[in-house]
Amino acid sequence: MSETLLIAAAGYVVTLLVAVGGWVFGYRMQSEARRLSRLEKKVNQLESEARARIALEKAACEWLAELTKRSPEAVKRDLRSRGQERSGLRPKMSDSDLPS
């Protein structure tokens, strides 16, 4: 009789371990999916911000080109050079560099 109880108890322990393992696996998968979702949302926000800044730069260059009677490309080069002098950074991306 004690052998039967021992086998039954071992079966219950194994079943419990499998159930806990399944729960841990599911929990980890769900948290990983949430993390990836947050990262994807952040990437989309940064992409939108980059597009907005590119559009702003383009509009500013066109406006300055009208005021100074120069080409928008020349104004863009001068604007980027001045920005680089002040910040040490130079934008290199265009709208075509961003994914659609």
Protein backbone atom coordinates (compact mmCIF):
# COMPACT_ATOMS: atom_id res chain seq x y z
CA MET A 1 0.00 0.00 0.00
CA SER A 2 2.80 2.44 0.80
CA GLU A 3 4.33 1.81 -2.64
CA THR A 4 1.08 2.86 -4.28
CA LEU A 5 0.96 6.03 -2.22
CA LEU A 6 4.59 6.78 -3.04
CA ILE A 7 3.96 6.34 -6.79
CA ALA A 8 0.82 8.50 -6.60
CA ALA A 9 2.68 11.23 -4.67
CA ALA A 10 5.51 11.17 -7.23
CA GLY A 11 2.95 11.49 -10.03
CA TYR A 12 1.35 14.49 -8.30
CA VAL A 13 4.73 16.15 -7.81
CA VAL A 14 5.66 15.64 -11.46
CA THR A 15 2.27 16.99 -12.56
CA LEU A 16 2.72 20.02 -10.32
CA LEU A 17 6.22 20.66 -11.68
CA VAL A 18 4.99 20.44 -15.27
CA ALA A 19 2.11 22.83 -14.50
CA VAL A 20 4.44 25.34 -12.82
CA GLY A 21 6.91 25.04 -15.68
CA GLY A 22 4.13 25.74 -18.19
CA TRP A 23 3.01 28.76 -16.21
CA VAL A 24 6.57 30.15 -16.01
CA PHE A 25 7.06 29.58 -19.75
CA GLY A 26 3.77 31.34 -20.56
CA TYR A 27 4.58 34.23 -18.23
CA ARG A 28 8.02 34.71 -19.80
CA MET A 29 6.59 34.60 -23.33
CA GLN A 30 3.91 37.16 -22.43
CA SER A 31 6.40 39.53 -20.79
CA GLU A 32 8.74 39.21 -23.78
CA ALA A 33 5.86 40.01 -26.14
CA ARG A 34 4.98 43.08 -24.05
CA ARG A 35 8.62 44.23 -24.10
CA LEU A 36 8.83 43.80 -27.90
CA SER A 37 5.56 45.69 -28.30
CA ARG A 38 6.92 48.61 -26.25
CA LEU A 39 10.13 48.63 -28.31
CA GLU A 40 8.17 48.58 -31.58
CA LYS A 41 6.04 51.49 -30.38
CA LYS A 42 9.19 53.44 -29.45
CA VAL A 43 10.76 52.77 -32.86
CA ASN A 44 7.58 54.00 -34.56
CA GLN A 45 7.63 57.18 -32.45
CA LEU A 46 11.29 57.81 -33.30
CA GLU A 47 10.59 57.20 -36.99
CA SER A 48 7.73 59.72 -36.89
CA GLU A 49 9.96 62.22 -35.11
CA ALA A 50 12.68 61.79 -37.74
CA ARG A 51 10.16 62.28 -40.55
CA ALA A 52 8.82 65.43 -38.86
CA ARG A 53 12.31 66.87 -38.44
CA ILE A 54 13.19 66.11 -42.06
CA ALA A 55 9.99 67.85 -43.19
CA LEU A 56 10.78 70.81 -40.93
CA GLU A 57 14.30 71.09 -42.34
CA LYS A 58 12.97 70.91 -45.90
CA ALA A 59 10.37 73.63 -45.25
CA ALA A 60 12.92 75.85 -43.50
CA CYS A 61 15.38 75.45 -46.37
CA GLU A 62 12.72 76.30 -48.95
CA TRP A 63 11.66 79.37 -46.98
CA LEU A 64 15.26 80.55 -46.51
CA ALA A 65 15.94 79.91 -50.21
CA GLU A 66 13.03 82.23 -51.12
CA LEU A 67 14.32 84.93 -48.77
CA THR A 68 17.96 84.74 -49.86
CA LYS A 69 17.39 83.94 -53.56
CA ARG A 70 19.56 80.81 -53.32
CA SER A 71 18.85 77.17 -54.06
CA PRO A 72 17.29 75.04 -51.31
CA GLU A 73 20.21 72.60 -51.55
CA ALA A 74 22.77 75.35 -50.91
CA VAL A 75 20.74 76.58 -47.96
CA LYS A 76 20.50 72.99 -46.64
CA ARG A 77 24.28 72.56 -46.83
CA ASP A 78 24.85 75.86 -45.01
CA LEU A 79 22.24 75.03 -42.38
CA ARG A 80 23.75 71.61 -41.74
CA SER A 81 27.26 73.09 -41.53
CA ARG A 82 26.13 75.67 -38.97
CA GLY A 83 24.32 73.03 -36.99
CA GLN A 84 27.45 70.87 -37.02
CA GLU A 85 29.58 73.79 -35.79
CA ARG A 86 27.24 74.33 -32.84
CA SER A 87 26.39 70.77 -31.85
CA GLY A 88 29.11 68.64 -33.38
CA LEU A 89 26.42 66.53 -35.08
CA ARG A 90 25.42 66.50 -38.73
CA PRO A 91 22.18 64.93 -39.98
CA LYS A 92 22.73 62.52 -42.81
CA MET A 93 19.34 60.85 -43.20
CA SER A 94 16.84 61.68 -45.89
CA ASP A 95 13.23 60.62 -46.13
CA SER A 96 14.22 57.73 -48.42
CA ASP A 97 16.48 56.29 -45.70
CA LEU A 98 13.49 55.64 -43.44
CA PRO A 99 11.40 52.50 -43.93
CA SER A 100 8.02 53.00 -45.58
